[in-house]
Amino acid sequence: MYEEYVKDMPVEEKTDEDKEIELILSIIKTKNELETANRNFEYADKELIDYYTYQIKANQAKLDYLVKKAKTKGLVLDMISGIELNSYSA
């Protein structure tokens, strides 16, 4: 819910806190997508191996970028915060 609200908001109206929360939510979402792609790769049919390989590489590159961006902003995500923030997107 919060994620949809923040995404629909024009960038110039977002506070620094909104931008930080959106970044953390993006990290959590991308990490979940990467884990799903890895699981799917393990059980993929031969025809889908290339597809899941691409998904893994794309999600890993995105996650690396988002984490680097979070570090430059001085953000730290611990498991408790991740669980609390994950409840926003549910």
Protein backbone atom coordinates (compact mmCIF):
# COMPACT_ATOMS: atom_id res chain seq x y z
CA MET A 1 0.00 0.00 0.00
CA TYR A 2 2.64 2.52 1.03
CA GLU A 3 4.77 1.55 -1.95
CA GLU A 4 1.92 2.28 -4.38
CA TYR A 5 1.23 5.61 -2.67
CA VAL A 6 4.86 6.71 -2.90
CA LYS A 7 5.28 5.51 -6.50
CA ASP A 8 2.21 7.45 -7.63
CA MET A 9 3.50 10.62 -5.99
CA PRO A 10 5.41 13.05 -8.24
CA VAL A 11 9.15 12.99 -7.49
CA GLU A 12 9.28 16.63 -6.42
CA GLU A 13 6.62 15.94 -3.75
CA LYS A 14 8.52 13.03 -2.18
CA THR A 15 10.36 13.68 1.04
CA ASP A 16 13.84 12.28 1.63
CA GLU A 17 12.25 9.73 3.97
CA ASP A 18 9.80 8.65 1.23
CA LYS A 19 12.70 8.20 -1.20
CA GLU A 20 14.68 6.18 1.34
CA ILE A 21 11.71 3.93 2.13
CA GLU A 22 11.07 3.43 -1.58
CA LEU A 23 14.73 2.48 -2.08
CA ILE A 24 14.63 -0.03 0.77
CA LEU A 25 11.37 -1.52 -0.51
CA SER A 26 12.96 -1.86 -3.96
CA ILE A 27 15.92 -3.70 -2.42
CA ILE A 28 13.61 -6.10 -0.59
CA LYS A 29 11.49 -6.70 -3.70
CA THR A 30 14.54 -7.26 -5.93
CA LYS A 31 16.11 -9.63 -3.40
CA ASN A 32 12.87 -11.66 -3.34
CA GLU A 33 12.76 -11.71 -7.15
CA LEU A 34 16.38 -12.91 -7.26
CA GLU A 35 15.66 -15.71 -4.80
CA THR A 36 12.61 -16.76 -6.83
CA ALA A 37 14.62 -16.77 -10.07
CA ASN A 38 17.31 -18.91 -8.42
CA ARG A 39 14.71 -21.41 -7.19
CA ASN A 40 13.03 -21.52 -10.61
CA PHE A 41 16.41 -22.05 -12.31
CA GLU A 42 17.04 -25.12 -10.17
CA TYR A 43 13.88 -26.80 -11.48
CA ALA A 44 13.75 -25.30 -14.98
CA ASP A 45 13.18 -27.31 -18.12
CA LYS A 46 15.96 -27.10 -20.68
CA GLU A 47 13.99 -24.54 -22.70
CA LEU A 48 13.82 -22.12 -19.75
CA ILE A 49 17.39 -22.27 -18.47
CA ASP A 50 18.50 -19.28 -20.57
CA TYR A 51 15.45 -17.31 -19.43
CA TYR A 52 16.13 -17.86 -15.73
CA THR A 53 19.84 -17.21 -16.22
CA TYR A 54 18.93 -13.82 -17.70
CA GLN A 55 16.55 -13.09 -14.80
CA ILE A 56 19.22 -13.98 -12.25
CA LYS A 57 21.82 -11.76 -13.93
CA ALA A 58 19.38 -8.86 -14.31
CA ASN A 59 18.14 -9.04 -10.73
CA GLN A 60 21.69 -9.37 -9.36
CA ALA A 61 22.81 -6.29 -11.32
CA LYS A 62 19.77 -4.35 -10.08
CA LEU A 63 20.33 -5.45 -6.49
CA ASP A 64 24.02 -4.49 -6.65
CA TYR A 65 23.06 -1.04 -7.94
CA LEU A 66 20.36 -0.48 -5.30
CA VAL A 67 22.61 -1.61 -2.44
CA LYS A 68 25.41 0.65 -3.67
CA LYS A 69 22.94 3.54 -3.85
CA ALA A 70 21.70 2.80 -0.32
CA LYS A 71 25.27 2.69 1.01
CA THR A 72 26.07 6.08 -0.52
CA LYS A 73 23.02 7.47 1.31
CA GLY A 74 24.18 5.86 4.55
CA LEU A 75 21.16 3.56 4.78
CA VAL A 76 21.36 0.32 6.74
CA LEU A 77 18.77 -2.42 6.45
CA ASP A 78 18.54 -4.99 9.17
CA MET A 79 16.15 -7.93 9.27
CA ILE A 80 13.74 -6.23 11.71
CA SER A 81 13.43 -3.15 9.50
CA GLY A 82 13.02 -5.37 6.45
CA ILE A 83 10.15 -7.23 8.03
CA GLU A 84 8.49 -4.00 9.17
CA LEU A 85 8.91 -2.39 5.74
CA ASN A 86 7.72 -5.52 3.99
CA SER A 87 4.40 -5.08 5.79
CA TYR A 88 3.96 -1.72 3.96
CA SER A 89 3.90 -3.45 0.58
CA ALA A 90 1.49 -6.19 1.67
